[in-house]
C-alpha atoms as a PDB file:
ATOM      1  CA  MET A   1      65.954 -10.101   3.022  1.00  0.00           C
ATOM      2  CA  GLU A   2      68.863  -9.021   0.858  1.00  0.00           C
ATOM      3  CA  ALA A   3      68.074  -8.032  -2.737  1.00  0.00           C
ATOM      4  CA  ALA A   4      69.431 -10.366  -5.387  1.00  0.00           C
ATOM      5  CA  ARG A   5      72.453  -9.213  -7.312  1.00  0.00           C
ATOM      6  CA  ARG A   6      71.484  -8.240 -10.867  1.00  0.00           C
ATOM      7  CA  GLU A   7      73.558  -8.911 -13.926  1.00  0.00           C
ATOM      8  CA  LEU A   8      72.680  -7.192 -17.205  1.00  0.00           C
ATOM      9  CA  LEU A   9      73.910  -9.133 -20.235  1.00  0.00           C
ATOM     10  CA  THR A  10      74.748  -7.842 -23.683  1.00  0.00           C
ATOM     11  CA  TRP A  11      74.107  -9.638 -26.966  1.00  0.00           C
ATOM     12  CA  GLU A  12      77.831 -10.393 -27.075  1.00  0.00           C
ATOM     13  CA  ASP A  13      77.519 -12.101 -23.668  1.00  0.00           C
ATOM     14  CA  VAL A  14      74.686 -14.250 -25.020  1.00  0.00           C
ATOM     15  CA  GLU A  15      76.749 -15.227 -28.061  1.00  0.00           C
ATOM     16  CA  LYS A  16      79.591 -16.327 -25.749  1.00  0.00           C
ATOM     17  CA  LEU A  17      77.150 -18.419 -23.690  1.00  0.00           C
ATOM     18  CA  ILE A  18      75.854 -20.112 -26.857  1.00  0.00           C
ATOM     19  CA  ASP A  19      79.450 -20.762 -27.957  1.00  0.00           C
ATOM     20  CA  HIS A  20      80.119 -22.338 -24.559  1.00  0.00           C
ATOM     21  CA  LEU A  21      77.065 -24.612 -24.871  1.00  0.00           C
ATOM     22  CA  LEU A  22      77.684 -25.974 -28.357  1.00  0.00           C
ATOM     23  CA  PRO A  23      80.691 -28.253 -27.595  1.00  0.00           C
ATOM     24  CA  GLN A  24      78.739 -29.856 -24.720  1.00  0.00           C
ATOM     25  CA  PHE A  25      76.195 -31.576 -26.972  1.00  0.00           C
ATOM     26  CA  GLU A  26      77.152 -35.231 -27.299  1.00  0.00           C
ATOM     27  CA  GLU A  27      73.637 -36.234 -28.322  1.00  0.00           C
ATOM     28  CA  GLU A  28      72.007 -35.413 -31.636  1.00  0.00           C
ATOM     29  CA  PHE A  29      68.603 -33.805 -31.551  1.00  0.00           C
ATOM     30  CA  ASN A  30      66.176 -33.550 -34.415  1.00  0.00           C
ATOM     31  CA  THR A  31      63.568 -31.771 -32.300  1.00  0.00           C
ATOM     32  CA  MET A  32      63.752 -28.732 -30.050  1.00  0.00           C
ATOM     33  CA  LEU A  33      61.080 -27.653 -27.576  1.00  0.00           C
ATOM     34  CA  MET A  34      61.455 -23.996 -26.646  1.00  0.00           C
ATOM     35  CA  VAL A  35      59.833 -22.791 -23.421  1.00  0.00           C
ATOM     36  CA  THR A  36      58.143 -19.422 -23.908  1.00  0.00           C
ATOM     37  CA  ARG A  37      59.133 -16.733 -23.583  1.00  0.00           C
ATOM     38  CA  GLY A  38      62.648 -17.026 -22.216  1.00  0.00           C
ATOM     39  CA  GLY A  39      63.690 -19.995 -24.345  1.00  0.00           C
ATOM     40  CA  LEU A  40      62.700 -18.526 -27.703  1.00  0.00           C
ATOM     41  CA  ILE A  41      65.857 -16.545 -28.406  1.00  0.00           C
ATOM     42  CA  PRO A  42      68.463 -18.973 -27.033  1.00  0.00           C
ATOM     43  CA  GLY A  43      66.527 -21.819 -28.667  1.00  0.00           C
ATOM     44  CA  GLY A  44      66.460 -20.028 -31.994  1.00  0.00           C
ATOM     45  CA  LEU A  45      70.196 -19.358 -31.842  1.00  0.00           C
ATOM     46  CA  LEU A  46      70.929 -22.981 -30.960  1.00  0.00           C
ATOM     47  CA  ALA A  47      68.525 -24.384 -33.567  1.00  0.00           C
ATOM     48  CA  GLU A  48      70.112 -22.301 -36.317  1.00  0.00           C
ATOM     49  CA  THR A  49      73.649 -23.326 -35.351  1.00  0.00           C
ATOM     50  CA  MET A  50      72.787 -27.001 -34.778  1.00  0.00           C
ATOM     51  CA  GLY A  51      70.618 -27.322 -37.893  1.00  0.00           C
ATOM     52  CA  ILE A  52      67.508 -28.315 -35.942  1.00  0.00           C
ATOM     53  CA  THR A  53      64.437 -27.539 -38.053  1.00  0.00           C
ATOM     54  CA  ASN A  54      61.717 -29.303 -36.064  1.00  0.00           C
ATOM     55  CA  ILE A  55      60.812 -26.606 -33.510  1.00  0.00           C
ATOM     56  CA  LEU A  56      58.073 -26.977 -30.898  1.00  0.00           C
ATOM     57  CA  ILE A  57      56.763 -24.517 -28.292  1.00  0.00           C
ATOM     58  CA  ALA A  58      55.606 -25.002 -24.700  1.00  0.00           C
ATOM     59  CA  ALA A  59      53.946 -22.279 -22.641  1.00  0.00           C
ATOM     60  CA  VAL A  60      53.610 -22.868 -18.905  1.00  0.00           C
ATOM     61  CA  ASP A  61      51.983 -20.763 -16.214  1.00  0.00           C
ATOM     62  CA  PHE A  62      51.930 -21.140 -12.474  1.00  0.00           C
ATOM     63  CA  PRO A  63      48.799 -19.756 -10.775  1.00  0.00           C
ATOM     64  CA  ALA A  64      49.451 -16.438  -9.054  1.00  0.00           C
ATOM     65  CA  GLN A  65      46.335 -16.519  -6.904  1.00  0.00           C
ATOM     66  CA  ILE A  66      48.195 -18.368  -4.154  1.00  0.00           C
ATOM     67  CA  GLU A  67      49.089 -15.655  -1.677  1.00  0.00           C
ATOM     68  CA  MET A  68      52.106 -16.947   0.185  1.00  0.00           C
ATOM     69  CA  GLU A  69      55.231 -16.761  -1.993  1.00  0.00           C
ATOM     70  CA  LYS A  70      56.618 -20.062  -0.728  1.00  0.00           C
ATOM     71  CA  ALA A  71      53.319 -21.849  -1.387  1.00  0.00           C
ATOM     72  CA  ARG A  72      53.205 -20.372  -4.909  1.00  0.00           C
ATOM     73  CA  LEU A  73      56.559 -22.017  -5.683  1.00  0.00           C
ATOM     74  CA  TYR A  74      54.909 -25.424  -5.226  1.00  0.00           C
ATOM     75  CA  ALA A  75      51.779 -24.715  -7.306  1.00  0.00           C
ATOM     76  CA  TRP A  76      50.898 -27.138 -10.112  1.00  0.00           C
ATOM     77  CA  PRO A  77      51.735 -25.864 -13.597  1.00  0.00           C
ATOM     78  CA  GLN A  78      49.098 -24.969 -16.142  1.00  0.00           C
ATOM     79  CA  PHE A  79      50.137 -25.765 -19.708  1.00  0.00           C
ATOM     80  CA  ILE A  80      48.809 -23.007 -21.941  1.00  0.00           C
ATOM     81  CA  GLN A  81      50.388 -24.536 -25.032  1.00  0.00           C
ATOM     82  CA  PHE A  82      52.064 -27.901 -25.533  1.00  0.00           C
ATOM     83  CA  PRO A  83      52.813 -30.105 -28.567  1.00  0.00           C
ATOM     84  CA  GLU A  84      50.594 -33.048 -29.448  1.00  0.00           C
ATOM     85  CA  VAL A  85      51.696 -36.553 -28.435  1.00  0.00           C
ATOM     86  CA  ALA A  86      52.632 -37.537 -32.014  1.00  0.00           C
ATOM     87  CA  LEU A  87      55.154 -34.669 -32.168  1.00  0.00           C
ATOM     88  CA  VAL A  88      56.874 -35.784 -28.951  1.00  0.00           C
ATOM     89  CA  LYS A  89      56.540 -39.566 -28.622  1.00  0.00           C
ATOM     90  CA  GLY A  90      59.777 -41.451 -29.265  1.00  0.00           C
ATOM     91  CA  LYS A  91      61.756 -38.296 -30.096  1.00  0.00           C
ATOM     92  CA  ARG A  92      65.002 -37.055 -28.548  1.00  0.00           C
ATOM     93  CA  ILE A  93      64.021 -33.526 -27.599  1.00  0.00           C
ATOM     94  CA  LEU A  94      66.226 -30.648 -26.521  1.00  0.00           C
ATOM     95  CA  VAL A  95      64.125 -28.545 -24.113  1.00  0.00           C
ATOM     96  CA  VAL A  96      65.485 -24.980 -24.056  1.00  0.00           C
ATOM     97  CA  ASP A  97      64.828 -22.106 -21.649  1.00  0.00           C
ATOM     98  CA  ASP A  98      66.919 -19.111 -20.670  1.00  0.00           C
ATOM     99  CA  VAL A  99      67.450 -19.877 -16.987  1.00  0.00           C
ATOM    100  CA  TRP A 100      66.942 -22.638 -14.425  1.00  0.00           C
ATOM    101  CA  GLY A 101      66.147 -20.643 -11.296  1.00  0.00           C
ATOM    102  CA  SER A 102      63.768 -22.637  -9.136  1.00  0.00           C
ATOM    103  CA  GLY A 103      63.694 -25.215 -11.936  1.00  0.00           C
ATOM    104  CA  ARG A 104      59.962 -25.691 -11.812  1.00  0.00           C
ATOM    105  CA  THR A 105      59.095 -24.506 -15.342  1.00  0.00           C
ATOM    106  CA  ILE A 106      61.648 -26.567 -17.241  1.00  0.00           C
ATOM    107  CA  THR A 107      61.102 -29.551 -14.927  1.00  0.00           C
ATOM    108  CA  ALA A 108      57.347 -29.403 -15.577  1.00  0.00           C
ATOM    109  CA  VAL A 109      58.020 -29.370 -19.330  1.00  0.00           C
ATOM    110  CA  LYS A 110      60.578 -32.175 -19.065  1.00  0.00           C
ATOM    111  CA  ASN A 111      58.172 -34.331 -17.041  1.00  0.00           C
ATOM    112  CA  ARG A 112      55.346 -33.771 -19.527  1.00  0.00           C
ATOM    113  CA  VAL A 113      57.609 -34.725 -22.449  1.00  0.00           C
ATOM    114  CA  THR A 114      58.557 -37.908 -20.567  1.00  0.00           C
ATOM    115  CA  ALA A 115      54.891 -38.664 -19.798  1.00  0.00           C
ATOM    116  CA  LEU A 116      54.103 -38.363 -23.520  1.00  0.00           C
ATOM    117  CA  GLY A 117      56.851 -40.839 -24.424  1.00  0.00           C
ATOM    118  CA  GLY A 118      59.571 -38.400 -25.456  1.00  0.00           C
ATOM    119  CA  LEU A 119      63.217 -38.332 -24.359  1.00  0.00           C
ATOM    120  CA  PRO A 120      63.862 -34.822 -22.986  1.00  0.00           C
ATOM    121  CA  TYR A 121      67.235 -33.195 -22.391  1.00  0.00           C
ATOM    122  CA  THR A 122      67.208 -29.798 -20.681  1.00  0.00           C
ATOM    123  CA  CYS A 123      69.324 -26.845 -21.747  1.00  0.00           C
ATOM    124  CA  VAL A 124      69.592 -23.325 -20.282  1.00  0.00           C
ATOM    125  CA  LEU A 125      71.980 -20.435 -20.511  1.00  0.00           C
ATOM    126  CA  HIS A 126      72.140 -19.992 -16.707  1.00  0.00           C
ATOM    127  CA  PHE A 127      71.724 -22.441 -13.848  1.00  0.00           C
ATOM    128  CA  ASN A 128      71.107 -21.070 -10.348  1.00  0.00           C
ATOM    129  CA  PRO A 129      71.725 -23.963  -7.918  1.00  0.00           C
ATOM    130  CA  TYR A 130      70.977 -21.676  -4.955  1.00  0.00           C
ATOM    131  CA  ARG A 131      67.293 -21.290  -5.954  1.00  0.00           C
ATOM    132  CA  ASN A 132      66.829 -24.833  -7.274  1.00  0.00           C
ATOM    133  CA  LEU A 133      63.790 -26.581  -5.744  1.00  0.00           C
ATOM    134  CA  PHE A 134      64.751 -30.014  -7.061  1.00  0.00           C
ATOM    135  CA  GLY A 135      67.662 -31.053  -4.861  1.00  0.00           C
ATOM    136  CA  ALA A 136      70.570 -32.411  -6.872  1.00  0.00           C
ATOM    137  CA  ALA A 137      68.672 -32.162 -10.181  1.00  0.00           C
ATOM    138  CA  GLN A 138      70.192 -29.784 -12.680  1.00  0.00           C
ATOM    139  CA  PRO A 139      69.984 -29.059 -16.414  1.00  0.00           C
ATOM    140  CA  ASP A 140      71.604 -31.548 -18.757  1.00  0.00           C
ATOM    141  CA  TYR A 141      73.331 -28.634 -20.484  1.00  0.00           C
ATOM    142  CA  PHE A 142      74.055 -25.138 -19.186  1.00  0.00           C
ATOM    143  CA  ALA A 143      76.508 -22.401 -20.088  1.00  0.00           C
ATOM    144  CA  ALA A 144      77.028 -20.758 -16.679  1.00  0.00           C
ATOM    145  CA  ILE A 145      76.264 -21.079 -12.977  1.00  0.00           C
ATOM    146  CA  THR A 146      75.034 -17.953 -11.222  1.00  0.00           C
ATOM    147  CA  ASP A 147      73.499 -16.634  -8.030  1.00  0.00           C
ATOM    148  CA  ALA A 148      72.428 -13.385  -9.715  1.00  0.00           C
ATOM    149  CA  HIS A 149      69.146 -12.268 -11.232  1.00  0.00           C
ATOM    150  CA  ILE A 150      70.079 -12.308 -14.922  1.00  0.00           C
ATOM    151  CA  VAL A 151      68.620  -9.669 -17.235  1.00  0.00           C
ATOM    152  CA  TYR A 152      68.938 -10.730 -20.864  1.00  0.00           C
ATOM    153  CA  PRO A 153      69.143  -8.161 -23.681  1.00  0.00           C
ATOM    154  CA  TRP A 154      65.701  -9.184 -24.958  1.00  0.00           C
ATOM    155  CA  GLU A 155      64.190  -8.313 -21.565  1.00  0.00           C
ATOM    156  CA  VAL A 156      65.134  -4.646 -21.798  1.00  0.00           C
ATOM    157  CA  ASP A 157      61.975  -2.625 -22.345  1.00  0.00           C
ATOM    158  CA  ARG A 158      61.687  -0.859 -25.693  1.00  0.00           C
ATOM    159  CA  GLY A 159      59.006   1.576 -24.488  1.00  0.00           C
ATOM    160  CA  GLY A 160      56.360   1.980 -21.828  1.00  0.00           C
ATOM    161  CA  GLN A 161      57.332   0.969 -18.310  1.00  0.00           C
ATOM    162  CA  GLU A 162      61.010   0.309 -17.799  1.00  0.00           C
ATOM    163  CA  LYS A 163      61.889  -3.251 -16.862  1.00  0.00           C
ATOM    164  CA  VAL A 164      65.552  -2.410 -16.509  1.00  0.00           C
ATOM    165  CA  LEU A 165      67.184   0.950 -16.012  1.00  0.00           C
ATOM    166  CA  LEU A 166      70.221   1.355 -18.201  1.00  0.00           C
ATOM    167  CA  ASP A 167      72.889   3.941 -17.566  1.00  0.00           C
ATOM    168  CA  GLN A 168      73.538   4.314 -21.275  1.00  0.00           C
ATOM    169  CA  PRO A 169      71.347   4.442 -24.383  1.00  0.00           C
ATOM    170  CA  PRO A 170      71.004   1.174 -26.333  1.00  0.00           C
ATOM    171  CA  PHE A 171      72.523   2.757 -29.453  1.00  0.00           C
ATOM    172  CA  PRO A 172      75.506   5.116 -29.720  1.00  0.00           C
ATOM    173  CA  SER A 173      74.639   8.769 -30.221  1.00  0.00           C
ATOM    174  CA  PRO A 174      75.409  10.154 -33.704  1.00  0.00           C
END
């Protein structure tokens, strides 16, 4: 199996993606649901720019004890953290994550919002239609389509084990 192409983004790249997303919003949202951990930074940037002050958090995990990789992709989600019904019911909610790869995390969150009576709209920086497990389904809003494994600037390790090897230091030398 061929290794996925990796793309390392800068903070400037992220700002451009946010700028590309903003004109797409035709709906008004008074509530944002950020999916941890990947959706926290893009969600925060969008919330600040869009003036959304009602911020909610969802944390989802998929059990890793299933041994076969393909079977693990179809595991049921476990919600570690999710807003109460009263915070979701009847609200237009922008659900934000960093990437729609397989789509299972953001789709699980979207479906739970719908089940609780909310009106979810999904938003990601990157959409990978080649890994999507949900057929023709796609995010309501996305800044870019990719087939690469995206490494965001907030994923670069600041100590301990390296997540990403950089060929230059994060700050210019004096």
